[in-house]
PDB file of N, CA and C in Angstrom:
ATOM      1  N   UNK A   1     151.521  44.796 -69.009  1.00  0.00           N
ATOM      2  CA  UNK A   1     152.073  45.930 -68.203  1.00  0.00           C
ATOM      3  C   UNK A   1     152.687  46.976 -68.611  1.00  0.00           C
ATOM      4  N   UNK A   2     152.930  47.809 -68.038  1.00  0.00           N
ATOM      5  CA  UNK A   2     153.508  49.809 -67.889  1.00  0.00           C
ATOM      6  C   UNK A   2     154.740  49.631 -67.051  1.00  0.00           C
ATOM      7  N   UNK A   3     155.530  49.881 -68.433  1.00  0.00           N
ATOM      8  CA  UNK A   3     157.400  49.033 -68.265  1.00  0.00           C
ATOM      9  C   UNK A   3     157.288  51.159 -67.944  1.00  0.00           C
ATOM     10  N   UNK A   4     156.358  51.701 -69.015  1.00  0.00           N
ATOM     11  CA  UNK A   4     157.005  53.138 -68.429  1.00  0.00           C
ATOM     12  C   UNK A   4     156.991  54.277 -66.646  1.00  0.00           C
ATOM     13  N   UNK A   5     156.886  52.972 -66.367  1.00  0.00           N
ATOM     14  CA  UNK A   5     156.672  52.793 -64.009  1.00  0.00           C
ATOM     15  C   UNK A   5     158.098  53.298 -64.000  1.00  0.00           C
ATOM     16  N   UNK A   6     158.774  51.917 -65.128  1.00  0.00           N
ATOM     17  CA  UNK A   6     160.551  51.085 -63.890  1.00  0.00           C
ATOM     18  C   UNK A   6     161.078  52.780 -65.462  1.00  0.00           C
ATOM     19  N   UNK A   7     161.241  52.169 -66.089  1.00  0.00           N
ATOM     20  CA  UNK A   7     162.278  52.436 -67.689  1.00  0.00           C
ATOM     21  C   UNK A   7     162.311  53.905 -68.001  1.00  0.00           C
ATOM     22  N   UNK A   8     163.240  55.051 -67.869  1.00  0.00           N
ATOM     23  CA  UNK A   8     163.373  56.750 -68.795  1.00  0.00           C
ATOM     24  C   UNK A   8     163.871  56.379 -69.682  1.00  0.00           C
ATOM     25  N   UNK A   9     164.353  57.578 -70.488  1.00  0.00           N
ATOM     26  CA  UNK A   9     165.265  57.726 -71.144  1.00  0.00           C
ATOM     27  C   UNK A   9     165.400  59.099 -71.355  1.00  0.00           C
ATOM     28  N   UNK A  10     167.068  58.976 -70.617  1.00  0.00           N
ATOM     29  CA  UNK A  10     167.185  60.900 -70.535  1.00  0.00           C
ATOM     30  C   UNK A  10     168.838  61.005 -71.444  1.00  0.00           C
ATOM     31  N   UNK A  11     168.551  62.271 -72.249  1.00  0.00           N
ATOM     32  CA  UNK A  11     169.788  61.597 -72.615  1.00  0.00           C
ATOM     33  C   UNK A  11     171.171  62.581 -71.971  1.00  0.00           C
ATOM     34  N   UNK A  12     170.893  62.759 -70.529  1.00  0.00           N
ATOM     35  CA  UNK A  12     172.340  62.521 -69.325  1.00  0.00           C
ATOM     36  C   UNK A  12     172.782  61.468 -69.393  1.00  0.00           C
ATOM     37  N   UNK A  13     172.379  60.441 -69.469  1.00  0.00           N
ATOM     38  CA  UNK A  13     172.460  59.089 -68.727  1.00  0.00           C
ATOM     39  C   UNK A  13     172.664  57.588 -69.852  1.00  0.00           C
ATOM     40  N   UNK A  14     173.858  57.418 -69.679  1.00  0.00           N
ATOM     41  CA  UNK A  14     173.963  56.061 -71.337  1.00  0.00           C
ATOM     42  C   UNK A  14     173.980  56.939 -72.062  1.00  0.00           C
ATOM     43  N   UNK A  15     174.780  58.144 -71.978  1.00  0.00           N
ATOM     44  CA  UNK A  15     173.794  57.936 -73.917  1.00  0.00           C
ATOM     45  C   UNK A  15     172.660  58.323 -73.955  1.00  0.00           C
ATOM     46  N   UNK A  16     171.526  58.220 -73.425  1.00  0.00           N
ATOM     47  CA  UNK A  16     169.974  57.968 -74.089  1.00  0.00           C
ATOM     48  C   UNK A  16     169.214  57.014 -74.023  1.00  0.00           C
ATOM     49  N   UNK A  17     170.264  55.749 -73.683  1.00  0.00           N
ATOM     50  CA  UNK A  17     169.574  54.518 -73.462  1.00  0.00           C
ATOM     51  C   UNK A  17     168.951  54.587 -72.759  1.00  0.00           C
ATOM     52  N   UNK A  18     167.995  52.776 -73.067  1.00  0.00           N
ATOM     53  CA  UNK A  18     166.658  53.124 -71.820  1.00  0.00           C
ATOM     54  C   UNK A  18     167.297  52.976 -70.500  1.00  0.00           C
ATOM     55  N   UNK A  19     166.654  53.284 -69.964  1.00  0.00           N
ATOM     56  CA  UNK A  19     167.795  52.931 -68.205  1.00  0.00           C
ATOM     57  C   UNK A  19     166.198  52.386 -67.121  1.00  0.00           C
ATOM     58  N   UNK A  20     166.646  51.828 -66.513  1.00  0.00           N
ATOM     59  CA  UNK A  20     165.797  51.934 -65.359  1.00  0.00           C
ATOM     60  C   UNK A  20     165.694  52.812 -64.549  1.00  0.00           C
ATOM     61  N   UNK A  21     164.095  53.079 -63.948  1.00  0.00           N
ATOM     62  CA  UNK A  21     164.911  54.894 -63.626  1.00  0.00           C
ATOM     63  C   UNK A  21     165.799  54.094 -61.970  1.00  0.00           C
ATOM     64  N   UNK A  22     166.121  55.763 -60.916  1.00  0.00           N
ATOM     65  CA  UNK A  22     166.627  55.965 -60.412  1.00  0.00           C
ATOM     66  C   UNK A  22     168.516  54.616 -60.817  1.00  0.00           C
ATOM     67  N   UNK A  23     168.308  54.038 -61.563  1.00  0.00           N
ATOM     68  CA  UNK A  23     169.860  53.510 -61.847  1.00  0.00           C
ATOM     69  C   UNK A  23     170.380  54.106 -62.859  1.00  0.00           C
ATOM     70  N   UNK A  24     171.519  53.248 -63.141  1.00  0.00           N
ATOM     71  CA  UNK A  24     172.312  53.795 -64.499  1.00  0.00           C
ATOM     72  C   UNK A  24     172.641  52.243 -65.070  1.00  0.00           C
ATOM     73  N   UNK A  25     171.566  51.503 -65.306  1.00  0.00           N
ATOM     74  CA  UNK A  25     171.604  49.373 -65.398  1.00  0.00           C
ATOM     75  C   UNK A  25     170.680  49.967 -66.404  1.00  0.00           C
ATOM     76  N   UNK A  26     170.812  49.329 -67.997  1.00  0.00           N
ATOM     77  CA  UNK A  26     170.107  50.357 -69.020  1.00  0.00           C
ATOM     78  C   UNK A  26     169.606  49.063 -69.670  1.00  0.00           C
ATOM     79  N   UNK A  27     168.412  48.603 -70.494  1.00  0.00           N
ATOM     80  CA  UNK A  27     167.399  47.955 -70.340  1.00  0.00           C
ATOM     81  C   UNK A  27     167.965  47.174 -71.215  1.00  0.00           C
ATOM     82  N   UNK A  28     169.237  47.213 -71.880  1.00  0.00           N
ATOM     83  CA  UNK A  28     170.400  46.797 -72.841  1.00  0.00           C
ATOM     84  C   UNK A  28     171.397  45.753 -71.935  1.00  0.00           C
ATOM     85  N   UNK A  29     172.067  46.538 -70.894  1.00  0.00           N
ATOM     86  CA  UNK A  29     172.202  45.459 -69.597  1.00  0.00           C
ATOM     87  C   UNK A  29     171.425  44.142 -70.075  1.00  0.00           C
ATOM     88  N   UNK A  30     170.455  44.576 -69.076  1.00  0.00           N
ATOM     89  CA  UNK A  30     169.722  43.317 -69.216  1.00  0.00           C
ATOM     90  C   UNK A  30     169.085  42.370 -69.728  1.00  0.00           C
ATOM     91  N   UNK A  31     168.584  42.359 -70.648  1.00  0.00           N
ATOM     92  CA  UNK A  31     168.677  41.819 -71.727  1.00  0.00           C
ATOM     93  C   UNK A  31     169.965  41.339 -72.044  1.00  0.00           C
ATOM     94  N   UNK A  32     170.992  41.043 -71.839  1.00  0.00           N
ATOM     95  CA  UNK A  32     171.904  40.363 -72.058  1.00  0.00           C
ATOM     96  C   UNK A  32     172.461  39.411 -71.450  1.00  0.00           C
ATOM     97  N   UNK A  33     171.666  40.103 -70.544  1.00  0.00           N
ATOM     98  CA  UNK A  33     172.577  38.731 -69.142  1.00  0.00           C
ATOM     99  C   UNK A  33     171.859  37.848 -69.303  1.00  0.00           C
ATOM    100  N   UNK A  34     170.825  37.825 -69.453  1.00  0.00           N
ATOM    101  CA  UNK A  34     169.420  37.439 -69.718  1.00  0.00           C
ATOM    102  C   UNK A  34     169.411  36.357 -71.125  1.00  0.00           C
ATOM    103  N   UNK A  35     170.520  36.551 -71.726  1.00  0.00           N
ATOM    104  CA  UNK A  35     170.908  35.758 -73.984  1.00  0.00           C
ATOM    105  C   UNK A  35     172.310  35.285 -72.907  1.00  0.00           C
ATOM    106  N   UNK A  36     172.653  35.895 -72.094  1.00  0.00           N
ATOM    107  CA  UNK A  36     173.848  34.618 -72.104  1.00  0.00           C
ATOM    108  C   UNK A  36     174.078  33.914 -70.662  1.00  0.00           C
ATOM    109  N   UNK A  37     172.569  33.536 -70.251  1.00  0.00           N
ATOM    110  CA  UNK A  37     172.380  32.551 -69.787  1.00  0.00           C
ATOM    111  C   UNK A  37     171.464  33.152 -68.036  1.00  0.00           C
ATOM    112  N   UNK A  38     171.925  34.076 -67.960  1.00  0.00           N
ATOM    113  CA  UNK A  38     171.129  34.642 -66.000  1.00  0.00           C
ATOM    114  C   UNK A  38     170.462  34.391 -65.848  1.00  0.00           C
ATOM    115  N   UNK A  39     169.805  34.028 -65.367  1.00  0.00           N
ATOM    116  CA  UNK A  39     168.391  33.607 -64.224  1.00  0.00           C
ATOM    117  C   UNK A  39     168.461  34.810 -63.672  1.00  0.00           C
ATOM    118  N   UNK A  40     167.099  35.437 -63.838  1.00  0.00           N
ATOM    119  CA  UNK A  40     166.702  36.262 -63.271  1.00  0.00           C
ATOM    120  C   UNK A  40     166.805  36.359 -61.400  1.00  0.00           C
ATOM    121  N   UNK A  41     167.172  35.075 -60.924  1.00  0.00           N
ATOM    122  CA  UNK A  41     167.408  35.086 -59.063  1.00  0.00           C
ATOM    123  C   UNK A  41     169.305  35.524 -59.670  1.00  0.00           C
ATOM    124  N   UNK A  42     169.895  34.855 -60.664  1.00  0.00           N
ATOM    125  CA  UNK A  42     171.431  35.941 -60.646  1.00  0.00           C
ATOM    126  C   UNK A  42     171.096  37.002 -60.427  1.00  0.00           C
ATOM    127  N   UNK A  43     170.756  38.013 -61.283  1.00  0.00           N
ATOM    128  CA  UNK A  43     170.805  39.461 -62.253  1.00  0.00           C
ATOM    129  C   UNK A  43     170.086  39.610 -60.693  1.00  0.00           C
ATOM    130  N   UNK A  44     168.648  39.787 -59.809  1.00  0.00           N
ATOM    131  CA  UNK A  44     168.445  39.962 -58.527  1.00  0.00           C
ATOM    132  C   UNK A  44     169.439  39.733 -57.244  1.00  0.00           C
ATOM    133  N   UNK A  45     170.113  38.875 -57.404  1.00  0.00           N
ATOM    134  CA  UNK A  45     171.104  39.103 -56.232  1.00  0.00           C
ATOM    135  C   UNK A  45     172.823  39.534 -56.695  1.00  0.00           C
ATOM    136  N   UNK A  46     172.652  39.486 -57.922  1.00  0.00           N
ATOM    137  CA  UNK A  46     174.189  40.958 -58.026  1.00  0.00           C
ATOM    138  C   UNK A  46     173.665  42.047 -58.236  1.00  0.00           C
ATOM    139  N   UNK A  47     172.658  42.836 -58.344  1.00  0.00           N
ATOM    140  CA  UNK A  47     172.428  43.928 -58.329  1.00  0.00           C
ATOM    141  C   UNK A  47     170.889  44.073 -57.601  1.00  0.00           C
ATOM    142  N   UNK A  48     171.431  44.276 -55.948  1.00  0.00           N
ATOM    143  CA  UNK A  48     170.140  44.997 -55.169  1.00  0.00           C
ATOM    144  C   UNK A  48     168.813  45.287 -56.046  1.00  0.00           C
ATOM    145  N   UNK A  49     169.066  46.414 -56.745  1.00  0.00           N
ATOM    146  CA  UNK A  49     168.178  47.258 -57.040  1.00  0.00           C
ATOM    147  C   UNK A  49     166.827  46.893 -58.189  1.00  0.00           C
ATOM    148  N   UNK A  50     167.395  45.285 -58.729  1.00  0.00           N
ATOM    149  CA  UNK A  50     166.649  45.268 -59.618  1.00  0.00           C
ATOM    150  C   UNK A  50     165.674  44.301 -58.788  1.00  0.00           C
ATOM    151  N   UNK A  51     164.222  43.998 -59.463  1.00  0.00           N
ATOM    152  CA  UNK A  51     163.790  43.122 -59.290  1.00  0.00           C
ATOM    153  C   UNK A  51     163.146  42.682 -59.875  1.00  0.00           C
ATOM    154  N   UNK A  52     162.340  41.236 -59.699  1.00  0.00           N
ATOM    155  CA  UNK A  52     161.942  40.864 -60.595  1.00  0.00           C
ATOM    156  C   UNK A  52     160.884  41.479 -61.672  1.00  0.00           C
ATOM    157  N   UNK A  53     160.120  42.791 -61.398  1.00  0.00           N
ATOM    158  CA  UNK A  53     159.299  43.184 -61.799  1.00  0.00           C
ATOM    159  C   UNK A  53     159.838  44.071 -62.581  1.00  0.00           C
ATOM    160  N   UNK A  54     161.057  44.798 -62.391  1.00  0.00           N
ATOM    161  CA  UNK A  54     162.087  45.346 -62.834  1.00  0.00           C
ATOM    162  C   UNK A  54     162.229  45.065 -64.399  1.00  0.00           C
ATOM    163  N   UNK A  55     162.527  43.413 -63.976  1.00  0.00           N
ATOM    164  CA  UNK A  55     163.475  42.799 -64.554  1.00  0.00           C
ATOM    165  C   UNK A  55     162.666  42.094 -66.000  1.00  0.00           C
ATOM    166  N   UNK A  56     160.844  42.491 -65.850  1.00  0.00           N
ATOM    167  CA  UNK A  56     160.118  42.162 -66.517  1.00  0.00           C
ATOM    168  C   UNK A  56     159.620  43.345 -67.190  1.00  0.00           C
ATOM    169  N   UNK A  57     159.837  44.615 -66.617  1.00  0.00           N
ATOM    170  CA  UNK A  57     159.195  45.880 -67.848  1.00  0.00           C
ATOM    171  C   UNK A  57     161.087  46.070 -68.874  1.00  0.00           C
ATOM    172  N   UNK A  58     161.849  45.574 -68.361  1.00  0.00           N
ATOM    173  CA  UNK A  58     162.645  45.626 -69.529  1.00  0.00           C
ATOM    174  C   UNK A  58     162.433  44.352 -71.355  1.00  0.00           C
ATOM    175  N   UNK A  59     161.961  43.598 -70.350  1.00  0.00           N
ATOM    176  CA  UNK A  59     161.261  42.453 -71.599  1.00  0.00           C
ATOM    177  C   UNK A  59     160.334  42.827 -72.267  1.00  0.00           C
ATOM    178  N   UNK A  60     159.016  43.240 -71.251  1.00  0.00           N
ATOM    179  CA  UNK A  60     158.182  44.072 -72.324  1.00  0.00           C
ATOM    180  C   UNK A  60     158.648  46.006 -73.201  1.00  0.00           C
ATOM    181  N   UNK A  61     159.973  46.525 -72.495  1.00  0.00           N
ATOM    182  CA  UNK A  61     159.927  47.227 -73.427  1.00  0.00           C
ATOM    183  C   UNK A  61     160.558  46.818 -74.148  1.00  0.00           C
ATOM    184  N   UNK A  62     161.285  45.701 -74.859  1.00  0.00           N
ATOM    185  CA  UNK A  62     161.899  44.666 -75.671  1.00  0.00           C
ATOM    186  C   UNK A  62     161.016  44.382 -76.678  1.00  0.00           C
ATOM    187  N   UNK A  63     159.427  43.672 -76.279  1.00  0.00           N
ATOM    188  CA  UNK A  63     158.975  43.402 -76.964  1.00  0.00           C
ATOM    189  C   UNK A  63     158.260  44.472 -77.943  1.00  0.00           C
ATOM    190  N   UNK A  64     157.902  45.275 -76.766  1.00  0.00           N
ATOM    191  CA  UNK A  64     157.063  46.329 -77.850  1.00  0.00           C
ATOM    192  C   UNK A  64     157.665  47.056 -79.000  1.00  0.00           C
ATOM    193  N   UNK A  65     159.462  46.965 -78.404  1.00  0.00           N
ATOM    194  CA  UNK A  65     160.606  47.704 -79.737  1.00  0.00           C
ATOM    195  C   UNK A  65     160.476  46.663 -80.495  1.00  0.00           C
ATOM    196  N   UNK A  66     160.334  45.956 -80.649  1.00  0.00           N
ATOM    197  CA  UNK A  66     160.076  44.724 -81.795  1.00  0.00           C
ATOM    198  C   UNK A  66     158.625  44.949 -82.204  1.00  0.00           C
ATOM    199  N   UNK A  67     157.553  44.971 -81.254  1.00  0.00           N
ATOM    200  CA  UNK A  67     156.435  45.090 -82.690  1.00  0.00           C
ATOM    201  C   UNK A  67     156.371  46.038 -83.558  1.00  0.00           C
ATOM    202  N   UNK A  68     156.754  47.129 -82.896  1.00  0.00           N
ATOM    203  CA  UNK A  68     156.933  48.079 -83.544  1.00  0.00           C
ATOM    204  C   UNK A  68     157.575  48.764 -84.389  1.00  0.00           C
ATOM    205  N   UNK A  69     158.468  48.190 -84.968  1.00  0.00           N
ATOM    206  CA  UNK A  69     159.277  48.002 -86.191  1.00  0.00           C
ATOM    207  C   UNK A  69     158.515  47.403 -87.165  1.00  0.00           C
ATOM    208  N   UNK A  70     159.295  48.204 -88.309  1.00  0.00           N
ATOM    209  CA  UNK A  70     158.054  47.405 -89.302  1.00  0.00           C
ATOM    210  C   UNK A  70     159.309  47.056 -90.311  1.00  0.00           C
ATOM    211  N   UNK A  71     158.310  46.033 -91.079  1.00  0.00           N
ATOM    212  CA  UNK A  71     158.730  45.196 -92.043  1.00  0.00           C
ATOM    213  C   UNK A  71     159.394  45.770 -93.034  1.00  0.00           C
ATOM    214  N   UNK A  72     160.811  45.129 -93.776  1.00  0.00           N
ATOM    215  CA  UNK A  72     161.723  46.471 -94.877  1.00  0.00           C
ATOM    216  C   UNK A  72     161.415  45.416 -96.244  1.00  0.00           C
ATOM    217  N   UNK A  73     160.658  45.800 -96.733  1.00  0.00           N
ATOM    218  CA  UNK A  73     159.636  45.737 -98.578  1.00  0.00           C
ATOM    219  C   UNK A  73     160.377  45.346 -99.794  1.00  0.00           C
TER     220      UNK A  73
END
């Protein structure tokens, strides 16, 4: 998935945290809701600007960030 289509990092928005374009919702917010047991459907119901594609972009962003971490030796 090309998450860059949905996620931006701007110094003037949420202290430079990655956010969904056109919103103040951060990737962290979405991941936190999912990790606390909310379903995609519940999140989309609470936040009309979110779609399944945008939620998946947050997951893809996190997976890519994890993949890029270097293992300390």
